[in-house]
Structures are given as C-alpha cells and as structure tokens.
Amino acid sequence: MTASAAMVLDHLPDALRPTVQPIDTWFRYRRLGLLFEARVARGRLMVCGIDLRGDLERRHAARQMRRSRLACMGSAAFNPEVAVSPDEVARLFPTQWAG
C-alpha cells in the first residue's frame, strides 16, 4: 500500500484490534495498525496512517475509504469500546508531538 505508514501498537491495550492491520516481518513481530478507533478521555478517536487526502481523483480506493470512514464517524455506529489514554495516543507520533 502506498502513501501509508503503519503505527506500532504494542503499547496499547491488547483488546484494541485495528480495523486495518498489516503484518510485520517475521523477525520483529510487532503489532501494527494502519487504522484503528478508540475512546480517549470523553471522546472518540479514529487514527489513520493512510493518506486519505492526496490525489483522490486518481486513487479511487482511497477516496472511497475516506468517504466510508467519515460516514462511520458521523453515525451512531462509531462507538469504540476500547479506551486509551491521551499519552498512549501521543506515543504513536513522537516527532510530531515532541515539545
């Protein structure tokens, strides 16, 4: 898959199952995710490591995934069960969130 970056989810609760989960190499065996949802504090969060904004005129699958994920998040069906802390989410993005 192009225009994507898998996140290492080893530090998140085992009950959290990514919606899109690539397989790591056999010698590392990390738990990876490209798309997952969770409860954070009093809110709901969807985290996506796939580019769902760029060149959507030519990337039909990405355009459709974006449409379906936005529709899901705007519906009552978007009700993640697994809770994670804001700090656990921040660990997914160490360079972006470093102070």
PDB file of N, CA and C in Angstrom:
ATOM      1  N   MET A   1       0.845  -1.166   0.000  1.00  0.00           N
ATOM      2  CA  MET A   1       0.000   0.000   0.000  1.00  0.00           C
ATOM      3  C   MET A   1       0.896   1.236   0.000  1.00  0.00           C
ATOM      4  N   THR A   2       0.640   2.133  -0.912  1.00  0.00           N
ATOM      5  CA  THR A   2       1.414   3.365  -0.990  1.00  0.00           C
ATOM      6  C   THR A   2       0.751   4.447  -0.163  1.00  0.00           C
ATOM      7  N   ALA A   3       1.502   5.495   0.123  1.00  0.00           N
ATOM      8  CA  ALA A   3       1.007   6.647   0.884  1.00  0.00           C
ATOM      9  C   ALA A   3       0.428   6.230   2.220  1.00  0.00           C
ATOM     10  N   SER A   4       1.167   5.377   2.933  1.00  0.00           N
ATOM     11  CA  SER A   4       0.711   4.948   4.252  1.00  0.00           C
ATOM     12  C   SER A   4       1.904   4.704   5.158  1.00  0.00           C
ATOM     13  N   ALA A   5       1.629   4.760   6.457  1.00  0.00           N
ATOM     14  CA  ALA A   5       2.659   4.481   7.452  1.00  0.00           C
ATOM     15  C   ALA A   5       2.015   3.720   8.597  1.00  0.00           C
ATOM     16  N   ALA A   6       2.448   2.487   8.781  1.00  0.00           N
ATOM     17  CA  ALA A   6       1.910   1.675   9.864  1.00  0.00           C
ATOM     18  C   ALA A   6       2.405   2.199  11.206  1.00  0.00           C
ATOM     19  N   MET A   7       1.532   2.110  12.198  1.00  0.00           N
ATOM     20  CA  MET A   7       1.871   2.524  13.558  1.00  0.00           C
ATOM     21  C   MET A   7       2.113   1.285  14.398  1.00  0.00           C
ATOM     22  N   VAL A   8       3.091   1.338  15.303  1.00  0.00           N
ATOM     23  CA  VAL A   8       3.364   0.237  16.209  1.00  0.00           C
ATOM     24  C   VAL A   8       2.426   0.397  17.402  1.00  0.00           C
ATOM     25  N   LEU A   9       1.584  -0.603  17.631  1.00  0.00           N
ATOM     26  CA  LEU A   9       0.555  -0.534  18.661  1.00  0.00           C
ATOM     27  C   LEU A   9       0.871  -1.395  19.877  1.00  0.00           C
ATOM     28  N   ASP A  10       2.114  -1.824  20.018  1.00  0.00           N
ATOM     29  CA  ASP A  10       2.493  -2.726  21.110  1.00  0.00           C
ATOM     30  C   ASP A  10       2.132  -2.179  22.489  1.00  0.00           C
ATOM     31  N   HIS A  11       2.158  -0.870  22.670  1.00  0.00           N
ATOM     32  CA  HIS A  11       1.910  -0.277  23.984  1.00  0.00           C
ATOM     33  C   HIS A  11       0.427  -0.033  24.274  1.00  0.00           C
ATOM     34  N   LEU A  12      -0.431  -0.302  23.310  1.00  0.00           N
ATOM     35  CA  LEU A  12      -1.866  -0.094  23.505  1.00  0.00           C
ATOM     36  C   LEU A  12      -2.509  -1.368  24.048  1.00  0.00           C
ATOM     37  N   PRO A  13      -3.689  -1.255  24.642  1.00  0.00           N
ATOM     38  CA  PRO A  13      -4.338  -2.441  25.223  1.00  0.00           C
ATOM     39  C   PRO A  13      -4.509  -3.564  24.202  1.00  0.00           C
ATOM     40  N   ASP A  14      -4.348  -4.796  24.651  1.00  0.00           N
ATOM     41  CA  ASP A  14      -4.496  -5.956  23.767  1.00  0.00           C
ATOM     42  C   ASP A  14      -5.882  -6.039  23.153  1.00  0.00           C
ATOM     43  N   ALA A  15      -6.886  -5.530  23.855  1.00  0.00           N
ATOM     44  CA  ALA A  15      -8.260  -5.591  23.356  1.00  0.00           C
ATOM     45  C   ALA A  15      -8.469  -4.701  22.132  1.00  0.00           C
ATOM     46  N   LEU A  16      -7.588  -3.742  21.910  1.00  0.00           N
ATOM     47  CA  LEU A  16      -7.711  -2.863  20.751  1.00  0.00           C
ATOM     48  C   LEU A  16      -7.281  -3.624  19.507  1.00  0.00           C
ATOM     49  N   ARG A  17      -8.199  -3.799  18.586  1.00  0.00           N
ATOM     50  CA  ARG A  17      -7.921  -4.507  17.337  1.00  0.00           C
ATOM     51  C   ARG A  17      -8.042  -3.526  16.182  1.00  0.00           C
ATOM     52  N   PRO A  18      -6.965  -3.293  15.453  1.00  0.00           N
ATOM     53  CA  PRO A  18      -7.025  -2.358  14.334  1.00  0.00           C
ATOM     54  C   PRO A  18      -8.012  -2.812  13.269  1.00  0.00           C
ATOM     55  N   THR A  19      -8.659  -1.855  12.640  1.00  0.00           N
ATOM     56  CA  THR A  19      -9.541  -2.133  11.514  1.00  0.00           C
ATOM     57  C   THR A  19      -8.727  -2.594  10.318  1.00  0.00           C
ATOM     58  N   VAL A  20      -7.566  -1.976  10.123  1.00  0.00           N
ATOM     59  CA  VAL A  20      -6.624  -2.369   9.074  1.00  0.00           C
ATOM     60  C   VAL A  20      -5.301  -2.681   9.769  1.00  0.00           C
ATOM     61  N   GLN A  21      -4.862  -3.939   9.677  1.00  0.00           N
ATOM     62  CA  GLN A  21      -3.665  -4.385  10.384  1.00  0.00           C
ATOM     63  C   GLN A  21      -2.709  -5.080   9.431  1.00  0.00           C
ATOM     64  N   PRO A  22      -1.614  -4.397   9.061  1.00  0.00           N
ATOM     65  CA  PRO A  22      -0.604  -5.070   8.233  1.00  0.00           C
ATOM     66  C   PRO A  22       0.185  -6.076   9.080  1.00  0.00           C
ATOM     67  N   ILE A  23       0.837  -6.971   8.409  1.00  0.00           N
ATOM     68  CA  ILE A  23       1.654  -7.983   9.084  1.00  0.00           C
ATOM     69  C   ILE A  23       3.102  -7.513   9.099  1.00  0.00           C
ATOM     70  N   ASP A  24       3.715  -7.555  10.267  1.00  0.00           N
ATOM     71  CA  ASP A  24       5.119  -7.158  10.405  1.00  0.00           C
ATOM     72  C   ASP A  24       6.021  -8.270   9.879  1.00  0.00           C
ATOM     73  N   THR A  25       7.301  -8.003   9.829  1.00  0.00           N
ATOM     74  CA  THR A  25       8.272  -9.010   9.393  1.00  0.00           C
ATOM     75  C   THR A  25       8.364 -10.111  10.443  1.00  0.00           C
ATOM     76  N   TRP A  26       8.779 -11.285  10.037  1.00  0.00           N
ATOM     77  CA  TRP A  26       8.812 -12.433  10.937  1.00  0.00           C
ATOM     78  C   TRP A  26       9.821 -12.273  12.073  1.00  0.00           C
ATOM     79  N   PHE A  27      10.841 -11.446  11.892  1.00  0.00           N
ATOM     80  CA  PHE A  27      11.855 -11.317  12.938  1.00  0.00           C
ATOM     81  C   PHE A  27      11.568 -10.176  13.911  1.00  0.00           C
ATOM     82  N   ARG A  28      10.593  -9.343  13.635  1.00  0.00           N
ATOM     83  CA  ARG A  28      10.229  -8.278  14.585  1.00  0.00           C
ATOM     84  C   ARG A  28       8.944  -8.599  15.321  1.00  0.00           C
ATOM     85  N   TYR A  29       7.912  -8.991  14.612  1.00  0.00           N
ATOM     86  CA  TYR A  29       6.630  -9.395  15.156  1.00  0.00           C
ATOM     87  C   TYR A  29       6.006  -8.334  16.064  1.00  0.00           C
ATOM     88  N   ARG A  30       5.948  -7.114  15.559  1.00  0.00           N
ATOM     89  CA  ARG A  30       5.272  -6.033  16.288  1.00  0.00           C
ATOM     90  C   ARG A  30       3.800  -6.022  15.905  1.00  0.00           C
ATOM     91  N   ARG A  31       2.980  -5.511  16.784  1.00  0.00           N
ATOM     92  CA  ARG A  31       1.560  -5.339  16.460  1.00  0.00           C
ATOM     93  C   ARG A  31       1.414  -4.006  15.743  1.00  0.00           C
ATOM     94  N   LEU A  32       1.029  -4.063  14.481  1.00  0.00           N
ATOM     95  CA  LEU A  32       0.944  -2.868  13.642  1.00  0.00           C
ATOM     96  C   LEU A  32      -0.513  -2.524  13.351  1.00  0.00           C
ATOM     97  N   GLY A  33      -0.741  -1.270  13.032  1.00  0.00           N
ATOM     98  CA  GLY A  33      -2.068  -0.840  12.622  1.00  0.00           C
ATOM     99  C   GLY A  33      -1.983   0.311  11.644  1.00  0.00           C
ATOM    100  N   LEU A  34      -2.856   0.303  10.656  1.00  0.00           N
ATOM    101  CA  LEU A  34      -2.988   1.427   9.734  1.00  0.00           C
ATOM    102  C   LEU A  34      -4.244   2.240  10.036  1.00  0.00           C
ATOM    103  N   LEU A  35      -5.210   1.604  10.699  1.00  0.00           N
ATOM    104  CA  LEU A  35      -6.463   2.279  11.030  1.00  0.00           C
ATOM    105  C   LEU A  35      -7.033   1.628  12.278  1.00  0.00           C
ATOM    106  N   PHE A  36      -7.339   2.445  13.285  1.00  0.00           N
ATOM    107  CA  PHE A  36      -7.996   1.925  14.478  1.00  0.00           C
ATOM    108  C   PHE A  36      -8.828   3.021  15.117  1.00  0.00           C
ATOM    109  N   GLU A  37      -9.743   2.606  15.985  1.00  0.00           N
ATOM    110  CA  GLU A  37     -10.573   3.560  16.714  1.00  0.00           C
ATOM    111  C   GLU A  37     -10.501   3.228  18.199  1.00  0.00           C
ATOM    112  N   ALA A  38     -10.680   4.256  19.015  1.00  0.00           N
ATOM    113  CA  ALA A  38     -10.595   4.074  20.466  1.00  0.00           C
ATOM    114  C   ALA A  38     -11.333   5.205  21.168  1.00  0.00           C
ATOM    115  N   ARG A  39     -11.650   4.957  22.415  1.00  0.00           N
ATOM    116  CA  ARG A  39     -12.154   6.011  23.296  1.00  0.00           C
ATOM    117  C   ARG A  39     -10.946   6.687  23.927  1.00  0.00           C
ATOM    118  N   VAL A  40     -10.969   8.010  23.950  1.00  0.00           N
ATOM    119  CA  VAL A  40      -9.894   8.773  24.590  1.00  0.00           C
ATOM    120  C   VAL A  40     -10.569   9.837  25.439  1.00  0.00           C
ATOM    121  N   ALA A  41     -10.334   9.760  26.750  1.00  0.00           N
ATOM    122  CA  ALA A  41     -10.993  10.658  27.699  1.00  0.00           C
ATOM    123  C   ALA A  41     -12.502  10.555  27.483  1.00  0.00           C
ATOM    124  N   ARG A  42     -13.174  11.664  27.214  1.00  0.00           N
ATOM    125  CA  ARG A  42     -14.623  11.638  26.995  1.00  0.00           C
ATOM    126  C   ARG A  42     -14.996  11.615  25.517  1.00  0.00           C
ATOM    127  N   GLY A  43     -13.983  11.434  24.659  1.00  0.00           N
ATOM    128  CA  GLY A  43     -14.236  11.480  23.222  1.00  0.00           C
ATOM    129  C   GLY A  43     -13.992  10.160  22.528  1.00  0.00           C
ATOM    130  N   ARG A  44     -14.179  10.186  21.227  1.00  0.00           N
ATOM    131  CA  ARG A  44     -13.949   9.035  20.363  1.00  0.00           C
ATOM    132  C   ARG A  44     -12.956   9.455  19.292  1.00  0.00           C
ATOM    133  N   LEU A  45     -12.050   8.548  18.964  1.00  0.00           N
ATOM    134  CA  LEU A  45     -10.954   8.881  18.061  1.00  0.00           C
ATOM    135  C   LEU A  45     -10.785   7.786  17.019  1.00  0.00           C
ATOM    136  N   MET A  46     -10.580   8.201  15.772  1.00  0.00           N
ATOM    137  CA  MET A  46     -10.162   7.280  14.731  1.00  0.00           C
ATOM    138  C   MET A  46      -8.781   7.744  14.269  1.00  0.00           C
ATOM    139  N   VAL A  47      -7.828   6.830  14.247  1.00  0.00           N
ATOM    140  CA  VAL A  47      -6.464   7.143  13.841  1.00  0.00           C
ATOM    141  C   VAL A  47      -6.178   6.379  12.555  1.00  0.00           C
ATOM    142  N   CYS A  48      -5.681   7.099  11.559  1.00  0.00           N
ATOM    143  CA  CYS A  48      -5.445   6.503  10.246  1.00  0.00           C
ATOM    144  C   CYS A  48      -4.047   6.859   9.758  1.00  0.00           C
ATOM    145  N   GLY A  49      -3.275   5.854   9.398  1.00  0.00           N
ATOM    146  CA  GLY A  49      -1.937   6.064   8.866  1.00  0.00           C
ATOM    147  C   GLY A  49      -1.898   6.010   7.349  1.00  0.00           C
ATOM    148  N   ILE A  50      -3.064   6.067   6.726  1.00  0.00           N
ATOM    149  CA  ILE A  50      -3.176   6.020   5.265  1.00  0.00           C
ATOM    150  C   ILE A  50      -3.506   7.424   4.777  1.00  0.00           C
ATOM    151  N   ASP A  51      -2.845   7.861   3.732  1.00  0.00           N
ATOM    152  CA  ASP A  51      -3.150   9.167   3.152  1.00  0.00           C
ATOM    153  C   ASP A  51      -4.524   9.097   2.486  1.00  0.00           C
ATOM    154  N   LEU A  52      -5.495   9.746   3.092  1.00  0.00           N
ATOM    155  CA  LEU A  52      -6.851   9.782   2.542  1.00  0.00           C
ATOM    156  C   LEU A  52      -7.219  11.171   2.051  1.00  0.00           C
ATOM    157  N   ARG A  53      -6.195  11.979   1.714  1.00  0.00           N
ATOM    158  CA  ARG A  53      -6.441  13.331   1.212  1.00  0.00           C
ATOM    159  C   ARG A  53      -5.818  13.596  -0.145  1.00  0.00           C
ATOM    160  N   GLY A  54      -4.659  13.019  -0.407  1.00  0.00           N
ATOM    161  CA  GLY A  54      -3.917  13.366  -1.611  1.00  0.00           C
ATOM    162  C   GLY A  54      -4.350  12.611  -2.856  1.00  0.00           C
ATOM    163  N   ASP A  55      -4.483  13.333  -3.973  1.00  0.00           N
ATOM    164  CA  ASP A  55      -4.703  12.768  -5.300  1.00  0.00           C
ATOM    165  C   ASP A  55      -5.894  11.798  -5.347  1.00  0.00           C
ATOM    166  N   LEU A  56      -6.986  12.171  -4.698  1.00  0.00           N
ATOM    167  CA  LEU A  56      -8.147  11.286  -4.622  1.00  0.00           C
ATOM    168  C   LEU A  56      -8.857  11.120  -5.965  1.00  0.00           C
ATOM    169  N   GLU A  57      -8.593  12.025  -6.910  1.00  0.00           N
ATOM    170  CA  GLU A  57      -9.191  11.888  -8.237  1.00  0.00           C
ATOM    171  C   GLU A  57      -8.697  10.617  -8.933  1.00  0.00           C
ATOM    172  N   ARG A  58      -7.474  10.229  -8.652  1.00  0.00           N
ATOM    173  CA  ARG A  58      -6.891   9.035  -9.282  1.00  0.00           C
ATOM    174  C   ARG A  58      -6.838   7.846  -8.336  1.00  0.00           C
ATOM    175  N   ARG A  59      -6.936   8.066  -7.046  1.00  0.00           N
ATOM    176  CA  ARG A  59      -6.860   6.988  -6.050  1.00  0.00           C
ATOM    177  C   ARG A  59      -8.280   6.663  -5.572  1.00  0.00           C
ATOM    178  N   HIS A  60      -8.970   5.881  -6.381  1.00  0.00           N
ATOM    179  CA  HIS A  60     -10.388   5.596  -6.142  1.00  0.00           C
ATOM    180  C   HIS A  60     -10.619   4.849  -4.829  1.00  0.00           C
ATOM    181  N   ALA A  61      -9.767   3.900  -4.509  1.00  0.00           N
ATOM    182  CA  ALA A  61      -9.940   3.145  -3.265  1.00  0.00           C
ATOM    183  C   ALA A  61      -9.752   4.061  -2.050  1.00  0.00           C
ATOM    184  N   ALA A  62      -8.771   4.945  -2.109  1.00  0.00           N
ATOM    185  CA  ALA A  62      -8.549   5.885  -1.003  1.00  0.00           C
ATOM    186  C   ALA A  62      -9.731   6.841  -0.872  1.00  0.00           C
ATOM    187  N   ARG A  63     -10.258   7.294  -1.995  1.00  0.00           N
ATOM    188  CA  ARG A  63     -11.414   8.187  -1.964  1.00  0.00           C
ATOM    189  C   ARG A  63     -12.617   7.495  -1.316  1.00  0.00           C
ATOM    190  N   GLN A  64     -12.852   6.246  -1.686  1.00  0.00           N
ATOM    191  CA  GLN A  64     -13.976   5.512  -1.110  1.00  0.00           C
ATOM    192  C   GLN A  64     -13.750   5.216   0.367  1.00  0.00           C
ATOM    193  N   MET A  65     -12.516   4.871   0.745  1.00  0.00           N
ATOM    194  CA  MET A  65     -12.238   4.619   2.158  1.00  0.00           C
ATOM    195  C   MET A  65     -12.468   5.885   2.975  1.00  0.00           C
ATOM    196  N   ARG A  66     -12.028   7.017   2.467  1.00  0.00           N
ATOM    197  CA  ARG A  66     -12.252   8.289   3.165  1.00  0.00           C
ATOM    198  C   ARG A  66     -13.750   8.530   3.345  1.00  0.00           C
ATOM    199  N   ARG A  67     -14.493   8.351   2.281  1.00  0.00           N
ATOM    200  CA  ARG A  67     -15.940   8.570   2.339  1.00  0.00           C
ATOM    201  C   ARG A  67     -16.585   7.655   3.387  1.00  0.00           C
ATOM    202  N   SER A  68     -16.233   6.392   3.374  1.00  0.00           N
ATOM    203  CA  SER A  68     -16.856   5.452   4.311  1.00  0.00           C
ATOM    204  C   SER A  68     -16.420   5.703   5.754  1.00  0.00           C
ATOM    205  N   ARG A  69     -15.159   6.079   5.971  1.00  0.00           N
ATOM    206  CA  ARG A  69     -14.693   6.367   7.340  1.00  0.00           C
ATOM    207  C   ARG A  69     -15.370   7.631   7.877  1.00  0.00           C
ATOM    208  N   LEU A  70     -15.515   8.665   7.062  1.00  0.00           N
ATOM    209  CA  LEU A  70     -16.196   9.886   7.508  1.00  0.00           C
ATOM    210  C   LEU A  70     -17.664   9.611   7.813  1.00  0.00           C
ATOM    211  N   ALA A  71     -18.308   8.800   6.983  1.00  0.00           N
ATOM    212  CA  ALA A  71     -19.703   8.440   7.236  1.00  0.00           C
ATOM    213  C   ALA A  71     -19.826   7.655   8.537  1.00  0.00           C
ATOM    214  N   CYS A  72     -18.905   6.740   8.765  1.00  0.00           N
ATOM    215  CA  CYS A  72     -18.919   5.960  10.002  1.00  0.00           C
ATOM    216  C   CYS A  72     -18.761   6.865  11.219  1.00  0.00           C
ATOM    217  N   MET A  73     -17.782   7.766  11.171  1.00  0.00           N
ATOM    218  CA  MET A  73     -17.535   8.643  12.316  1.00  0.00           C
ATOM    219  C   MET A  73     -18.698   9.579  12.587  1.00  0.00           C
ATOM    220  N   GLY A  74     -19.495   9.875  11.582  1.00  0.00           N
ATOM    221  CA  GLY A  74     -20.636  10.756  11.756  1.00  0.00           C
ATOM    222  C   GLY A  74     -21.904  10.036  12.162  1.00  0.00           C
ATOM    223  N   SER A  75     -21.818   8.735  12.386  1.00  0.00           N
ATOM    224  CA  SER A  75     -23.008   7.953  12.713  1.00  0.00           C
ATOM    225  C   SER A  75     -22.956   7.434  14.146  1.00  0.00           C
ATOM    226  N   ALA A  76     -24.084   6.924  14.595  1.00  0.00           N
ATOM    227  CA  ALA A  76     -24.158   6.319  15.928  1.00  0.00           C
ATOM    228  C   ALA A  76     -23.356   5.025  16.001  1.00  0.00           C
ATOM    229  N   ALA A  77     -23.021   4.446  14.848  1.00  0.00           N
ATOM    230  CA  ALA A  77     -22.237   3.210  14.818  1.00  0.00           C
ATOM    231  C   ALA A  77     -20.795   3.433  15.285  1.00  0.00           C
ATOM    232  N   PHE A  78     -20.345   4.677  15.264  1.00  0.00           N
ATOM    233  CA  PHE A  78     -18.971   4.974  15.711  1.00  0.00           C
ATOM    234  C   PHE A  78     -18.970   5.068  17.228  1.00  0.00           C
ATOM    235  N   ASN A  79     -18.727   3.946  17.851  1.00  0.00           N
ATOM    236  CA  ASN A  79     -18.771   3.851  19.300  1.00  0.00           C
ATOM    237  C   ASN A  79     -17.670   2.910  19.780  1.00  0.00           C
ATOM    238  N   PRO A  80     -16.412   3.360  19.723  1.00  0.00           N
ATOM    239  CA  PRO A  80     -15.303   2.490  20.116  1.00  0.00           C
ATOM    240  C   PRO A  80     -15.466   1.967  21.544  1.00  0.00           C
ATOM    241  N   GLU A  81     -15.091   0.722  21.749  1.00  0.00           N
ATOM    242  CA  GLU A  81     -15.221   0.107  23.066  1.00  0.00           C
ATOM    243  C   GLU A  81     -13.954   0.210  23.901  1.00  0.00           C
ATOM    244  N   VAL A  82     -12.797   0.163  23.271  1.00  0.00           N
ATOM    245  CA  VAL A  82     -11.522   0.141  23.992  1.00  0.00           C
ATOM    246  C   VAL A  82     -11.064   1.565  24.278  1.00  0.00           C
ATOM    247  N   ALA A  83     -10.688   1.813  25.526  1.00  0.00           N
ATOM    248  CA  ALA A  83     -10.214   3.138  25.938  1.00  0.00           C
ATOM    249  C   ALA A  83      -8.689   3.167  25.970  1.00  0.00           C
ATOM    250  N   VAL A  84      -8.130   4.274  25.512  1.00  0.00           N
ATOM    251  CA  VAL A  84      -6.694   4.520  25.617  1.00  0.00           C
ATOM    252  C   VAL A  84      -6.508   5.925  26.178  1.00  0.00           C
ATOM    253  N   SER A  85      -5.371   6.176  26.767  1.00  0.00           N
ATOM    254  CA  SER A  85      -5.103   7.486  27.351  1.00  0.00           C
ATOM    255  C   SER A  85      -4.536   8.437  26.286  1.00  0.00           C
ATOM    256  N   PRO A  86      -4.656   9.732  26.511  1.00  0.00           N
ATOM    257  CA  PRO A  86      -4.023  10.685  25.588  1.00  0.00           C
ATOM    258  C   PRO A  86      -2.516  10.450  25.458  1.00  0.00           C
ATOM    259  N   ASP A  87      -1.858  10.061  26.544  1.00  0.00           N
ATOM    260  CA  ASP A  87      -0.419   9.792  26.478  1.00  0.00           C
ATOM    261  C   ASP A  87      -0.104   8.598  25.589  1.00  0.00           C
ATOM    262  N   GLU A  88      -0.958   7.570  25.631  1.00  0.00           N
ATOM    263  CA  GLU A  88      -0.737   6.411  24.771  1.00  0.00           C
ATOM    264  C   GLU A  88      -0.883   6.799  23.301  1.00  0.00           C
ATOM    265  N   VAL A  89      -1.833   7.664  23.001  1.00  0.00           N
ATOM    266  CA  VAL A  89      -2.002   8.134  21.621  1.00  0.00           C
ATOM    267  C   VAL A  89      -0.788   8.962  21.211  1.00  0.00           C
ATOM    268  N   ALA A  90      -0.323   9.835  22.087  1.00  0.00           N
ATOM    269  CA  ALA A  90       0.824  10.691  21.770  1.00  0.00           C
ATOM    270  C   ALA A  90       2.075   9.872  21.456  1.00  0.00           C
ATOM    271  N   ARG A  91       2.216   8.708  22.069  1.00  0.00           N
ATOM    272  CA  ARG A  91       3.393   7.864  21.806  1.00  0.00           C
ATOM    273  C   ARG A  91       3.427   7.350  20.370  1.00  0.00           C
ATOM    274  N   LEU A  92       2.296   7.386  19.684  1.00  0.00           N
ATOM    275  CA  LEU A  92       2.264   6.952  18.282  1.00  0.00           C
ATOM    276  C   LEU A  92       2.948   7.950  17.360  1.00  0.00           C
ATOM    277  N   PHE A  93       3.058   9.191  17.816  1.00  0.00           N
ATOM    278  CA  PHE A  93       3.566  10.283  16.974  1.00  0.00           C
ATOM    279  C   PHE A  93       4.690  11.027  17.693  1.00  0.00           C
ATOM    280  N   PRO A  94       5.790  10.372  17.993  1.00  0.00           N
ATOM    281  CA  PRO A  94       6.820  11.001  18.834  1.00  0.00           C
ATOM    282  C   PRO A  94       7.427  12.272  18.257  1.00  0.00           C
ATOM    283  N   THR A  95       7.635  12.337  16.940  1.00  0.00           N
ATOM    284  CA  THR A  95       8.287  13.526  16.392  1.00  0.00           C
ATOM    285  C   THR A  95       7.311  14.692  16.250  1.00  0.00           C
ATOM    286  N   GLN A  96       6.051  14.392  15.964  1.00  0.00           N
ATOM    287  CA  GLN A  96       5.062  15.465  15.793  1.00  0.00           C
ATOM    288  C   GLN A  96       4.697  16.095  17.130  1.00  0.00           C
ATOM    289  N   TRP A  97       4.708  15.333  18.206  1.00  0.00           N
ATOM    290  CA  TRP A  97       4.212  15.833  19.490  1.00  0.00           C
ATOM    291  C   TRP A  97       5.320  16.193  20.456  1.00  0.00           C
ATOM    292  N   ALA A  98       6.556  16.067  20.050  1.00  0.00           N
ATOM    293  CA  ALA A  98       7.668  16.398  20.947  1.00  0.00           C
ATOM    294  C   ALA A  98       7.668  17.903  21.201  1.00  0.00           C
ATOM    295  N   GLY A  99       7.831  18.278  22.458  1.00  0.00           N
ATOM    296  CA  GLY A  99       7.818  19.697  22.808  1.00  0.00           C
ATOM    297  C   GLY A  99       9.164  20.229  22.716  1.00  0.00           C
TER     298      GLY A  99
END
